[in-house]
Amino acid sequence: MKKYIVVLCMACLLAFSASALAATPDAAALSGEQETAVKWVDAMLVKQDAAAGIKLMGPQAQKNIQADKLGKSLSELNQKFGKYQESKFISWTRFDQADQMIYLMRFEKEQLVRCELIFDKKGQLENFSLAALKENTKEQKKDKK
């Protein structure tokens, strides 16, 4: 009898672990989009190559973004934030028509920058934004009370 109980417990453990570790379609989408995001960060922020960054984006975004204007924006960003240092993946959110990926980044002049990348349902990068985040000072905290 004890053997049957042990075998039943082992079978249950195997079944539960297999279902818990099963990859979902969302996992494949996250992996592909994260790979694109890493390549985009490398092209745009590390190498400062606007043309390479545009090539990583979807066809609709490529039509809307001009390489010379993006290059000018990159140089302004470099002056404002300084040199890119590191990033940390924060979240991935799946919506009906798009996916959102958020990174927190650190630059020489700005310690905390929020990078938001928007992907379409095909996993193609469609839009991005970078915004410096400021810590609330004591005066701002008092004003909120």
Foldseek 3Di string as FASTA:
>chain_A
DVVVVVVVVVVVVVVVVCVVPDDDPVNVLVVLLVVLVVQLCCCCQVVVQQVSNLVQADPVQVVVDDSVVSSVVSVVCCVVQNHWDDKDWDDWADDPFKIKTWIWTHHPRAGTKIKIWIAGPVSGTRDIDIGGDDDDDPVNVVVVD
